[in-house]
Amino acid sequence: MFPRSKGIERSFQYIRLITLVTVIGCLLFAGFVVLISNRAVSHSQQRVYVLAAGKALEAVAADRRENIPAEARDHIRSFHQFFFSLDPDEKVIRANLARALYLADASAFRVSDNLKENGYYSSVVAGNISQEIAVDSIILDTDSYPFHFRCYATERIIRPTSIATRYLLTEGWLRNTSRSDNNPHGFLIERWTILDNHDLRVESR
């Protein structure tokens, strides 16, 4: 009778052991599945699809710190293009300046106000002058904050009788600000100044 009870007890021990191993195995498998699922969800959330011209384009999300140099340079380039791109149309000039002044502080407003007081914009309209800018390079220092930059560019001033090419050098500092429709990069240009702006050549048309 005792051997039989010992056999039953041993069987129950085996069953408990098998049950315990099964439960632990299930818990480990469930934890593994949850971990893999979280990684898959996190990976999928980093990819955004943007619909443009009827085509789905994939955009990959990344930490902003990885994109600061690219975003900062594009912010600086956009500001200079809006500020210095002029056509003989008051509405175009006002629209471009408004977009540029969203990207900079009062230092840019002072420069535009001085140009306005000196009659520069009026002469652009009256003389049927167009002004274009090509940003050649941007030197950006991201090791210290706010970020110092220098922008090297070339201006083309197209008049009815001539085309003047001018060298342009500006500098300023960038600080972080909130992103918005008017300021998508989330930077603000401060203490912006024009260091050099001289004629390179003038060609007759």
N, C-alpha and C. Protein backbone atom coordinates (compact mmCIF):
# COMPACT_ATOMS: atom_id res chain seq x y z
N MET A 1 0.83 -1.21 0.00
CA MET A 1 0.00 0.00 0.00
C MET A 1 0.86 1.25 0.00
N PHE A 2 1.98 1.22 0.81
CA PHE A 2 2.86 2.38 0.86
C PHE A 2 3.56 2.66 -0.47
N PRO A 3 4.06 1.60 -1.14
CA PRO A 3 4.66 1.86 -2.46
C PRO A 3 3.67 2.50 -3.42
N ARG A 4 2.42 2.06 -3.34
CA ARG A 4 1.41 2.63 -4.25
C ARG A 4 1.18 4.12 -3.96
N SER A 5 1.13 4.49 -2.67
CA SER A 5 0.93 5.90 -2.31
C SER A 5 2.14 6.73 -2.71
N LYS A 6 3.34 6.10 -2.57
CA LYS A 6 4.54 6.82 -3.01
C LYS A 6 4.53 7.05 -4.51
N GLY A 7 4.03 6.10 -5.25
CA GLY A 7 3.95 6.25 -6.71
C GLY A 7 2.98 7.36 -7.09
N ILE A 8 1.86 7.39 -6.37
CA ILE A 8 0.88 8.45 -6.64
C ILE A 8 1.48 9.81 -6.30
N GLU A 9 2.19 9.87 -5.17
CA GLU A 9 2.80 11.14 -4.77
C GLU A 9 3.86 11.58 -5.79
N ARG A 10 4.65 10.60 -6.26
CA ARG A 10 5.66 10.93 -7.27
C ARG A 10 5.01 11.43 -8.56
N SER A 11 3.88 10.81 -8.92
CA SER A 11 3.15 11.25 -10.12
C SER A 11 2.66 12.69 -9.97
N PHE A 12 2.12 12.98 -8.78
CA PHE A 12 1.68 14.36 -8.55
C PHE A 12 2.85 15.34 -8.61
N GLN A 13 4.02 14.94 -8.14
CA GLN A 13 5.21 15.80 -8.21
C GLN A 13 5.60 16.05 -9.66
N TYR A 14 5.55 14.98 -10.47
CA TYR A 14 5.84 15.14 -11.89
C TYR A 14 4.83 16.08 -12.56
N ILE A 15 3.56 15.90 -12.20
CA ILE A 15 2.52 16.76 -12.79
C ILE A 15 2.74 18.21 -12.39
N ARG A 16 3.06 18.42 -11.08
CA ARG A 16 3.31 19.79 -10.63
C ARG A 16 4.53 20.38 -11.34
N LEU A 17 5.56 19.57 -11.50
CA LEU A 17 6.77 20.04 -12.18
C LEU A 17 6.48 20.40 -13.63
N ILE A 18 5.75 19.50 -14.32
CA ILE A 18 5.40 19.76 -15.73
C ILE A 18 4.52 21.00 -15.83
N THR A 19 3.56 21.13 -14.90
CA THR A 19 2.67 22.31 -14.91
C THR A 19 3.47 23.59 -14.69
N LEU A 20 4.40 23.55 -13.70
CA LEU A 20 5.22 24.72 -13.40
C LEU A 20 6.09 25.11 -14.59
N VAL A 21 6.71 24.10 -15.21
CA VAL A 21 7.56 24.37 -16.39
C VAL A 21 6.72 24.94 -17.52
N THR A 22 5.51 24.38 -17.71
CA THR A 22 4.61 24.87 -18.77
C THR A 22 4.20 26.32 -18.53
N VAL A 23 3.83 26.62 -17.27
CA VAL A 23 3.42 28.00 -16.93
C VAL A 23 4.57 28.97 -17.14
N ILE A 24 5.77 28.59 -16.64
CA ILE A 24 6.93 29.47 -16.83
C ILE A 24 7.24 29.66 -18.30
N GLY A 25 7.17 28.57 -19.07
CA GLY A 25 7.40 28.66 -20.51
C GLY A 25 6.40 29.58 -21.20
N CYS A 26 5.12 29.47 -20.78
CA CYS A 26 4.08 30.33 -21.37
C CYS A 26 4.33 31.80 -21.03
N LEU A 27 4.72 32.04 -19.75
CA LEU A 27 5.00 33.43 -19.35
C LEU A 27 6.19 34.00 -20.12
N LEU A 28 7.25 33.20 -20.27
CA LEU A 28 8.41 33.66 -21.04
C LEU A 28 8.04 33.92 -22.49
N PHE A 29 7.25 33.04 -23.07
CA PHE A 29 6.83 33.23 -24.47
C PHE A 29 5.96 34.47 -24.61
N ALA A 30 5.04 34.67 -23.64
CA ALA A 30 4.18 35.85 -23.69
C ALA A 30 5.00 37.13 -23.56
N GLY A 31 5.99 37.11 -22.66
CA GLY A 31 6.86 38.28 -22.52
C GLY A 31 7.65 38.55 -23.78
N PHE A 32 8.13 37.49 -24.43
CA PHE A 32 8.86 37.65 -25.69
C PHE A 32 7.97 38.24 -26.78
N VAL A 33 6.72 37.74 -26.84
CA VAL A 33 5.78 38.26 -27.85
C VAL A 33 5.47 39.73 -27.60
N VAL A 34 5.26 40.10 -26.32
CA VAL A 34 5.00 41.50 -25.99
C VAL A 34 6.18 42.38 -26.36
N LEU A 35 7.39 41.93 -26.07
CA LEU A 35 8.59 42.70 -26.41
C LEU A 35 8.72 42.91 -27.91
N ILE A 36 8.55 41.83 -28.66
CA ILE A 36 8.64 41.93 -30.12
C ILE A 36 7.54 42.84 -30.68
N SER A 37 6.33 42.72 -30.12
CA SER A 37 5.22 43.56 -30.58
C SER A 37 5.49 45.03 -30.32
N ASN A 38 6.02 45.34 -29.13
CA ASN A 38 6.32 46.74 -28.81
C ASN A 38 7.38 47.30 -29.74
N ARG A 39 8.39 46.47 -30.05
CA ARG A 39 9.42 46.94 -30.99
C ARG A 39 8.84 47.17 -32.37
N ALA A 40 7.94 46.27 -32.79
CA ALA A 40 7.33 46.41 -34.12
C ALA A 40 6.46 47.66 -34.19
N VAL A 41 5.69 47.91 -33.12
CA VAL A 41 4.83 49.10 -33.08
C VAL A 41 5.67 50.36 -33.06
N SER A 42 6.74 50.37 -32.24
CA SER A 42 7.62 51.53 -32.18
C SER A 42 8.27 51.79 -33.53
N HIS A 43 8.68 50.73 -34.20
CA HIS A 43 9.30 50.88 -35.53
C HIS A 43 8.30 51.40 -36.56
N SER A 44 7.06 50.91 -36.48
CA SER A 44 6.06 51.36 -37.45
C SER A 44 5.65 52.80 -37.21
N GLN A 45 5.69 53.25 -35.95
CA GLN A 45 5.31 54.63 -35.65
C GLN A 45 6.35 55.62 -36.11
N GLN A 46 7.56 55.16 -36.39
CA GLN A 46 8.60 56.05 -36.89
C GLN A 46 8.46 56.31 -38.38
N ARG A 47 7.53 55.65 -39.02
CA ARG A 47 7.34 55.83 -40.46
C ARG A 47 5.98 56.47 -40.71
N VAL A 48 6.04 57.57 -41.45
CA VAL A 48 4.84 58.32 -41.78
C VAL A 48 4.75 58.39 -43.30
N TYR A 49 3.55 58.22 -43.80
CA TYR A 49 3.35 58.31 -45.25
C TYR A 49 2.63 59.61 -45.57
N VAL A 50 3.25 60.38 -46.46
CA VAL A 50 2.73 61.68 -46.86
C VAL A 50 2.20 61.57 -48.28
N LEU A 51 0.98 62.05 -48.49
CA LEU A 51 0.38 62.02 -49.81
C LEU A 51 0.72 63.31 -50.54
N ALA A 52 1.45 63.20 -51.63
CA ALA A 52 1.86 64.35 -52.42
C ALA A 52 1.69 64.04 -53.89
N ALA A 53 0.91 64.87 -54.56
CA ALA A 53 0.65 64.71 -56.00
C ALA A 53 0.14 63.31 -56.33
N GLY A 54 -0.71 62.79 -55.46
CA GLY A 54 -1.31 61.48 -55.72
C GLY A 54 -0.40 60.31 -55.41
N LYS A 55 0.77 60.56 -54.84
CA LYS A 55 1.70 59.48 -54.53
C LYS A 55 1.96 59.46 -53.02
N ALA A 56 2.06 58.25 -52.47
CA ALA A 56 2.35 58.09 -51.06
C ALA A 56 3.87 58.05 -50.88
N LEU A 57 4.41 59.04 -50.18
CA LEU A 57 5.84 59.12 -49.94
C LEU A 57 6.11 58.78 -48.48
N GLU A 58 7.12 57.98 -48.25
CA GLU A 58 7.44 57.56 -46.89
C GLU A 58 8.38 58.56 -46.24
N ALA A 59 8.03 58.98 -45.02
CA ALA A 59 8.88 59.86 -44.24
C ALA A 59 9.26 59.13 -42.96
N VAL A 60 10.50 59.23 -42.57
CA VAL A 60 10.99 58.53 -41.39
C VAL A 60 11.18 59.53 -40.26
N ALA A 61 10.58 59.25 -39.10
CA ALA A 61 10.73 60.12 -37.94
C ALA A 61 12.10 59.90 -37.32
N ALA A 62 12.69 60.99 -36.79
CA ALA A 62 14.00 60.90 -36.17
C ALA A 62 14.10 61.93 -35.06
N ASP A 63 15.07 61.72 -34.18
CA ASP A 63 15.32 62.65 -33.11
C ASP A 63 15.75 63.98 -33.71
N ARG A 64 15.22 65.09 -33.17
CA ARG A 64 15.51 66.39 -33.76
C ARG A 64 16.99 66.71 -33.70
N ARG A 65 17.67 66.21 -32.67
CA ARG A 65 19.09 66.51 -32.54
C ARG A 65 19.88 66.02 -33.74
N GLU A 66 19.41 64.96 -34.38
CA GLU A 66 20.09 64.44 -35.56
C GLU A 66 19.91 65.36 -36.76
N ASN A 67 18.82 66.15 -36.76
CA ASN A 67 18.48 66.97 -37.92
C ASN A 67 18.76 68.45 -37.72
N ILE A 68 19.31 68.84 -36.57
CA ILE A 68 19.50 70.27 -36.29
C ILE A 68 20.31 70.97 -37.38
N PRO A 69 21.47 70.46 -37.80
CA PRO A 69 22.22 71.19 -38.84
C PRO A 69 21.44 71.36 -40.14
N ALA A 70 20.76 70.30 -40.60
CA ALA A 70 20.01 70.39 -41.85
C ALA A 70 18.83 71.35 -41.71
N GLU A 71 18.08 71.24 -40.60
CA GLU A 71 16.93 72.12 -40.40
C GLU A 71 17.36 73.57 -40.23
N ALA A 72 18.45 73.79 -39.49
CA ALA A 72 18.93 75.15 -39.26
C ALA A 72 19.37 75.80 -40.57
N ARG A 73 20.10 75.06 -41.39
CA ARG A 73 20.55 75.62 -42.67
C ARG A 73 19.36 75.92 -43.59
N ASP A 74 18.36 75.05 -43.58
CA ASP A 74 17.19 75.30 -44.41
C ASP A 74 16.42 76.52 -43.90
N HIS A 75 16.37 76.69 -42.58
CA HIS A 75 15.72 77.87 -42.00
C HIS A 75 16.43 79.15 -42.45
N ILE A 76 17.76 79.14 -42.36
CA ILE A 76 18.55 80.30 -42.76
C ILE A 76 18.38 80.58 -44.25
N ARG A 77 18.42 79.51 -45.05
CA ARG A 77 18.26 79.67 -46.50
C ARG A 77 16.88 80.23 -46.84
N SER A 78 15.85 79.70 -46.20
CA SER A 78 14.48 80.17 -46.46
C SER A 78 14.34 81.65 -46.09
N PHE A 79 14.91 82.03 -44.94
CA PHE A 79 14.82 83.43 -44.53
C PHE A 79 15.45 84.35 -45.57
N HIS A 80 16.65 84.02 -46.02
CA HIS A 80 17.33 84.89 -46.99
C HIS A 80 16.60 84.92 -48.33
N GLN A 81 16.04 83.79 -48.74
CA GLN A 81 15.30 83.78 -50.00
C GLN A 81 14.06 84.65 -49.92
N PHE A 82 13.33 84.58 -48.80
CA PHE A 82 12.14 85.41 -48.64
C PHE A 82 12.52 86.89 -48.53
N PHE A 83 13.60 87.18 -47.78
CA PHE A 83 13.96 88.57 -47.52
C PHE A 83 14.51 89.27 -48.76
N PHE A 84 15.29 88.54 -49.56
CA PHE A 84 15.98 89.20 -50.67
C PHE A 84 15.36 88.92 -52.03
N SER A 85 14.34 88.09 -52.12
CA SER A 85 13.68 87.85 -53.40
C SER A 85 12.60 88.90 -53.60
N LEU A 86 12.84 89.78 -54.57
CA LEU A 86 11.93 90.91 -54.79
C LEU A 86 11.51 90.95 -56.26
N ASP A 87 10.29 91.41 -56.48
CA ASP A 87 9.76 91.64 -57.82
C ASP A 87 9.07 92.99 -57.82
N PRO A 88 8.89 93.58 -59.01
CA PRO A 88 8.25 94.91 -59.06
C PRO A 88 6.74 94.83 -58.80
N ASP A 89 6.41 94.33 -57.64
CA ASP A 89 5.01 94.18 -57.24
C ASP A 89 4.94 94.34 -55.72
N GLU A 90 4.23 95.35 -55.26
CA GLU A 90 4.18 95.65 -53.82
C GLU A 90 3.63 94.47 -53.02
N LYS A 91 2.64 93.77 -53.56
CA LYS A 91 2.06 92.64 -52.84
C LYS A 91 3.06 91.51 -52.67
N VAL A 92 3.84 91.25 -53.72
CA VAL A 92 4.86 90.20 -53.65
C VAL A 92 5.92 90.57 -52.62
N ILE A 93 6.35 91.82 -52.63
CA ILE A 93 7.36 92.28 -51.67
C ILE A 93 6.84 92.15 -50.24
N ARG A 94 5.61 92.62 -50.00
CA ARG A 94 5.04 92.53 -48.65
C ARG A 94 4.88 91.08 -48.21
N ALA A 95 4.44 90.22 -49.12
CA ALA A 95 4.23 88.81 -48.76
C ALA A 95 5.55 88.13 -48.42
N ASN A 96 6.58 88.38 -49.23
CA ASN A 96 7.89 87.77 -48.96
C ASN A 96 8.49 88.28 -47.66
N LEU A 97 8.37 89.59 -47.42
CA LEU A 97 8.92 90.15 -46.19
C LEU A 97 8.17 89.62 -44.97
N ALA A 98 6.87 89.48 -45.08
CA ALA A 98 6.08 88.96 -43.96
C ALA A 98 6.52 87.54 -43.61
N ARG A 99 6.75 86.73 -44.63
CA ARG A 99 7.20 85.35 -44.39
C ARG A 99 8.60 85.33 -43.79
N ALA A 100 9.46 86.25 -44.25
CA ALA A 100 10.83 86.31 -43.72
C ALA A 100 10.83 86.76 -42.26
N LEU A 101 9.99 87.74 -41.92
CA LEU A 101 10.02 88.30 -40.58
C LEU A 101 9.45 87.35 -39.53
N TYR A 102 8.71 86.33 -39.95
CA TYR A 102 8.29 85.29 -39.02
C TYR A 102 9.47 84.43 -38.58
N LEU A 103 10.54 84.44 -39.36
CA LEU A 103 11.69 83.56 -39.11
C LEU A 103 12.82 84.26 -38.36
N ALA A 104 12.65 85.55 -38.05
CA ALA A 104 13.72 86.32 -37.40
C ALA A 104 13.13 87.29 -36.39
N ASP A 105 14.02 87.88 -35.59
CA ASP A 105 13.56 88.82 -34.57
C ASP A 105 13.57 90.25 -35.12
N ALA A 106 13.57 91.23 -34.21
CA ALA A 106 13.45 92.62 -34.60
C ALA A 106 14.65 93.12 -35.40
N SER A 107 15.78 92.42 -35.33
CA SER A 107 16.95 92.86 -36.09
C SER A 107 16.67 92.83 -37.60
N ALA A 108 15.94 91.83 -38.07
CA ALA A 108 15.58 91.78 -39.49
C ALA A 108 14.55 92.85 -39.83
N PHE A 109 13.64 93.12 -38.90
CA PHE A 109 12.65 94.17 -39.14
C PHE A 109 13.34 95.53 -39.27
N ARG A 110 14.36 95.77 -38.47
CA ARG A 110 15.07 97.06 -38.55
C ARG A 110 15.74 97.23 -39.92
N VAL A 111 16.33 96.13 -40.44
CA VAL A 111 16.97 96.22 -41.76
C VAL A 111 15.92 96.52 -42.83
N SER A 112 14.80 95.80 -42.80
CA SER A 112 13.74 96.04 -43.80
C SER A 112 13.15 97.44 -43.65
N ASP A 113 13.03 97.91 -42.40
CA ASP A 113 12.48 99.25 -42.17
C ASP A 113 13.43 100.32 -42.71
N ASN A 114 14.73 100.12 -42.55
CA ASN A 114 15.71 101.06 -43.11
C ASN A 114 15.64 101.08 -44.63
N LEU A 115 15.52 99.90 -45.24
CA LEU A 115 15.39 99.83 -46.70
C LEU A 115 14.12 100.55 -47.17
N LYS A 116 13.06 100.37 -46.41
CA LYS A 116 11.81 101.02 -46.77
C LYS A 116 11.92 102.54 -46.66
N GLU A 117 12.53 103.03 -45.55
CA GLU A 117 12.68 104.47 -45.36
C GLU A 117 13.59 105.08 -46.42
N ASN A 118 14.58 104.32 -46.88
CA ASN A 118 15.48 104.82 -47.92
C ASN A 118 14.89 104.70 -49.32
N GLY A 119 13.65 104.20 -49.41
CA GLY A 119 12.96 104.13 -50.70
C GLY A 119 13.40 102.98 -51.59
N TYR A 120 14.05 101.96 -51.01
CA TYR A 120 14.57 100.86 -51.83
C TYR A 120 13.44 100.06 -52.47
N TYR A 121 12.44 99.72 -51.68
CA TYR A 121 11.33 98.92 -52.22
C TYR A 121 10.53 99.72 -53.25
N SER A 122 10.38 101.00 -53.01
CA SER A 122 9.67 101.85 -53.98
C SER A 122 10.42 101.91 -55.30
N SER A 123 11.77 101.97 -55.21
CA SER A 123 12.56 102.02 -56.45
C SER A 123 12.50 100.69 -57.20
N VAL A 124 12.36 99.58 -56.47
CA VAL A 124 12.22 98.27 -57.11
C VAL A 124 10.94 98.24 -57.94
N VAL A 125 9.86 98.75 -57.35
CA VAL A 125 8.57 98.76 -58.06
C VAL A 125 8.61 99.76 -59.21
N ALA A 126 9.09 100.96 -58.95
CA ALA A 126 9.10 102.01 -59.97
C ALA A 126 10.04 101.67 -61.12
N GLY A 127 11.15 101.01 -60.82
CA GLY A 127 12.13 100.73 -61.86
C GLY A 127 11.97 99.38 -62.52
N ASN A 128 10.88 98.66 -62.21
CA ASN A 128 10.67 97.31 -62.77
C ASN A 128 11.88 96.42 -62.55
N ILE A 129 12.32 96.37 -61.30
CA ILE A 129 13.53 95.63 -60.93
C ILE A 129 13.13 94.32 -60.26
N SER A 130 13.82 93.27 -60.62
CA SER A 130 13.67 91.98 -59.94
C SER A 130 14.99 91.64 -59.24
N GLN A 131 14.87 91.05 -58.07
CA GLN A 131 16.07 90.68 -57.31
C GLN A 131 15.99 89.22 -56.92
N GLU A 132 17.05 88.48 -57.24
CA GLU A 132 17.12 87.05 -56.92
C GLU A 132 18.32 86.80 -56.03
N ILE A 133 18.27 85.74 -55.26
CA ILE A 133 19.39 85.39 -54.39
C ILE A 133 19.68 83.90 -54.51
N ALA A 134 20.96 83.57 -54.49
CA ALA A 134 21.40 82.18 -54.48
C ALA A 134 22.34 82.03 -53.28
N VAL A 135 21.93 81.20 -52.33
CA VAL A 135 22.76 80.97 -51.14
C VAL A 135 23.87 79.99 -51.52
N ASP A 136 25.10 80.45 -51.40
CA ASP A 136 26.25 79.62 -51.78
C ASP A 136 26.64 78.64 -50.68
N SER A 137 26.76 79.13 -49.45
CA SER A 137 27.12 78.25 -48.33
C SER A 137 26.69 78.89 -47.03
N ILE A 138 26.51 78.03 -46.02
CA ILE A 138 26.13 78.47 -44.68
C ILE A 138 27.07 77.80 -43.69
N ILE A 139 27.79 78.60 -42.94
CA ILE A 139 28.68 78.09 -41.89
C ILE A 139 27.91 78.15 -40.57
N LEU A 140 27.71 76.99 -39.96
CA LEU A 140 26.88 76.90 -38.76
C LEU A 140 27.67 76.25 -37.63
N ASP A 141 27.64 76.88 -36.47
CA ASP A 141 28.32 76.35 -35.28
C ASP A 141 27.28 75.83 -34.30
N THR A 142 27.14 74.50 -34.22
CA THR A 142 26.16 73.90 -33.31
C THR A 142 26.78 73.46 -31.99
N ASP A 143 28.06 73.79 -31.77
CA ASP A 143 28.72 73.39 -30.53
C ASP A 143 28.33 74.28 -29.35
N SER A 144 27.88 75.50 -29.63
CA SER A 144 27.44 76.41 -28.57
C SER A 144 26.06 76.95 -28.92
N TYR A 145 25.29 77.24 -27.88
CA TYR A 145 23.91 77.71 -28.08
C TYR A 145 23.78 79.12 -27.51
N PRO A 146 23.10 80.04 -28.20
CA PRO A 146 22.46 79.88 -29.51
C PRO A 146 23.50 79.66 -30.62
N PHE A 147 23.03 79.07 -31.74
CA PHE A 147 23.92 78.67 -32.82
C PHE A 147 24.31 79.86 -33.68
N HIS A 148 25.60 80.11 -33.79
CA HIS A 148 26.07 81.19 -34.65
C HIS A 148 26.16 80.71 -36.10
N PHE A 149 25.85 81.61 -37.04
CA PHE A 149 25.96 81.24 -38.46
C PHE A 149 26.47 82.42 -39.27
N ARG A 150 27.04 82.07 -40.39
CA ARG A 150 27.36 83.05 -41.44
C ARG A 150 26.83 82.51 -42.75
N CYS A 151 26.19 83.38 -43.49
CA CYS A 151 25.57 82.99 -44.76
C CYS A 151 26.26 83.73 -45.90
N TYR A 152 26.77 82.96 -46.86
CA TYR A 152 27.43 83.52 -48.06
C TYR A 152 26.48 83.33 -49.24
N ALA A 153 26.19 84.42 -49.93
CA ALA A 153 25.20 84.34 -51.01
C ALA A 153 25.58 85.30 -52.14
N THR A 154 24.88 85.12 -53.25
CA THR A 154 25.05 85.98 -54.42
C THR A 154 23.69 86.52 -54.83
N GLU A 155 23.63 87.83 -55.03
CA GLU A 155 22.39 88.48 -55.47
C GLU A 155 22.49 88.83 -56.96
N ARG A 156 21.37 88.71 -57.65
CA ARG A 156 21.27 89.20 -59.03
C ARG A 156 20.16 90.24 -59.05
N ILE A 157 20.52 91.46 -59.42
CA ILE A 157 19.55 92.55 -59.50
C ILE A 157 19.32 92.82 -60.99
N ILE A 158 18.13 92.47 -61.44
CA ILE A 158 17.81 92.54 -62.87
C ILE A 158 17.03 93.81 -63.15
N ARG A 159 17.67 94.73 -63.88
CA ARG A 159 17.05 95.99 -64.28
C ARG A 159 16.72 95.92 -65.78
N PRO A 160 15.90 96.83 -66.28
CA PRO A 160 15.58 96.80 -67.72
C PRO A 160 16.81 96.91 -68.62
N THR A 161 17.87 97.55 -68.13
CA THR A 161 19.04 97.77 -68.99
C THR A 161 20.29 97.02 -68.54
N SER A 162 20.26 96.43 -67.34
CA SER A 162 21.48 95.78 -66.85
C SER A 162 21.15 94.70 -65.82
N ILE A 163 22.14 93.86 -65.57
CA ILE A 163 22.05 92.84 -64.52
C ILE A 163 23.27 92.99 -63.63
N ALA A 164 23.03 93.32 -62.37
CA ALA A 164 24.12 93.49 -61.41
C ALA A 164 24.21 92.24 -60.53
N THR A 165 25.43 91.76 -60.34
CA THR A 165 25.68 90.63 -59.45
C THR A 165 26.40 91.15 -58.22
N ARG A 166 25.84 90.84 -57.05
CA ARG A 166 26.39 91.36 -55.80
C ARG A 166 26.75 90.22 -54.86
N TYR A 167 27.82 90.46 -54.09
CA TYR A 167 28.25 89.52 -53.06
C TYR A 167 27.54 89.89 -51.76
N LEU A 168 27.03 88.88 -51.05
CA LEU A 168 26.29 89.12 -49.81
C LEU A 168 26.83 88.22 -48.70
N LEU A 169 27.14 88.82 -47.57
CA LEU A 169 27.58 88.07 -46.38
C LEU A 169 26.80 88.58 -45.18
N THR A 170 26.13 87.67 -44.51
CA THR A 170 25.37 88.03 -43.31
C THR A 170 25.75 87.09 -42.17
N GLU A 171 25.41 87.50 -40.96
CA GLU A 171 25.62 86.63 -39.81
C GLU A 171 24.50 86.84 -38.80
N GLY A 172 24.36 85.87 -37.91
CA GLY A 172 23.35 85.96 -36.87
C GLY A 172 23.44 84.75 -35.97
N TRP A 173 22.46 84.63 -35.11
CA TRP A 173 22.39 83.51 -34.17
C TRP A 173 21.01 82.88 -34.26
N LEU A 174 20.94 81.59 -34.02
CA LEU A 174 19.68 80.86 -34.04
C LEU A 174 19.35 80.37 -32.64
N ARG A 175 18.10 80.56 -32.24
CA ARG A 175 17.63 79.94 -31.00
C ARG A 175 16.37 79.14 -31.29
N ASN A 176 16.09 78.19 -30.42
CA ASN A 176 14.92 77.34 -30.60
C ASN A 176 13.65 78.11 -30.23
N THR A 177 12.58 77.80 -30.96
CA THR A 177 11.28 78.36 -30.66
C THR A 177 10.22 77.34 -31.07
N SER A 178 8.96 77.66 -30.85
CA SER A 178 7.90 76.71 -31.18
C SER A 178 7.72 76.60 -32.69
N ARG A 179 7.41 75.41 -33.14
CA ARG A 179 7.10 75.21 -34.56
C ARG A 179 5.68 75.70 -34.84
N SER A 180 5.49 76.22 -36.03
CA SER A 180 4.16 76.67 -36.45
C SER A 180 4.11 76.64 -37.97
N ASP A 181 2.95 76.94 -38.53
CA ASP A 181 2.83 77.00 -39.98
C ASP A 181 3.74 78.08 -40.56
N ASN A 182 3.93 79.18 -39.83
CA ASN A 182 4.78 80.26 -40.31
C ASN A 182 6.25 80.02 -40.02
N ASN A 183 6.53 79.11 -39.10
CA ASN A 183 7.91 78.81 -38.73
C ASN A 183 8.05 77.30 -38.54
N PRO A 184 8.07 76.54 -39.63
CA PRO A 184 8.03 75.08 -39.51
C PRO A 184 9.27 74.45 -38.91
N HIS A 185 10.42 75.14 -38.95
CA HIS A 185 11.64 74.54 -38.41
C HIS A 185 11.81 74.77 -36.92
N GLY A 186 11.07 75.72 -36.36
CA GLY A 186 11.17 75.97 -34.93
C GLY A 186 12.46 76.66 -34.52
N PHE A 187 12.97 77.58 -35.38
CA PHE A 187 14.13 78.40 -35.04
C PHE A 187 13.77 79.87 -35.19
N LEU A 188 14.53 80.72 -34.53
CA LEU A 188 14.37 82.17 -34.69
C LEU A 188 15.75 82.78 -34.86
N ILE A 189 15.93 83.57 -35.92
CA ILE A 189 17.20 84.24 -36.17
C ILE A 189 17.26 85.50 -35.31
N GLU A 190 18.37 85.65 -34.58
CA GLU A 190 18.56 86.81 -33.72
C GLU A 190 19.82 87.56 -34.12
N ARG A 191 19.84 88.85 -33.80
CA ARG A 191 21.01 89.72 -34.03
C ARG A 191 21.55 89.59 -35.45
N TRP A 192 20.63 89.59 -36.40
CA TRP A 192 21.02 89.40 -37.79
C TRP A 192 21.57 90.70 -38.36
N THR A 193 22.72 90.61 -39.00
CA THR A 193 23.35 91.79 -39.59
C THR A 193 23.92 91.45 -40.96
N ILE A 194 24.00 92.46 -41.81
CA ILE A 194 24.63 92.32 -43.14
C ILE A 194 26.06 92.82 -43.00
N LEU A 195 27.02 91.92 -43.17
CA LEU A 195 28.43 92.27 -43.00
C LEU A 195 29.04 92.84 -44.28
N ASP A 196 28.58 92.35 -45.42
CA ASP A 196 29.16 92.80 -46.69
C ASP A 196 28.11 92.64 -47.79
N ASN A 197 28.05 93.62 -48.68
CA ASN A 197 27.11 93.55 -49.81
C ASN A 197 27.63 94.49 -50.90
N HIS A 198 28.55 93.98 -51.72
CA HIS A 198 29.16 94.84 -52.73
C HIS A 198 28.99 94.23 -54.12
N ASP A 199 29.13 95.10 -55.13
CA ASP A 199 28.99 94.68 -56.52
C ASP A 199 30.17 93.81 -56.94
N LEU A 200 29.85 92.73 -57.64
CA LEU A 200 30.88 91.90 -58.26
C LEU A 200 31.07 92.28 -59.72
N ARG A 201 29.95 92.43 -60.42
CA ARG A 201 30.00 92.82 -61.83
C ARG A 201 28.62 93.35 -62.25
N VAL A 202 28.64 94.13 -63.32
CA VAL A 202 27.41 94.66 -63.91
C VAL A 202 27.47 94.37 -65.41
N GLU A 203 26.44 93.72 -65.91
CA GLU A 203 26.37 93.37 -67.32
C GLU A 203 25.22 94.12 -67.99
N SER A 204 25.48 94.61 -69.19
CA SER A 204 24.44 95.28 -69.94
C SER A 204 23.52 94.26 -70.57
N ARG A 205 22.26 94.62 -70.71
CA ARG A 205 21.30 93.72 -71.35
C ARG A 205 21.07 94.14 -72.80
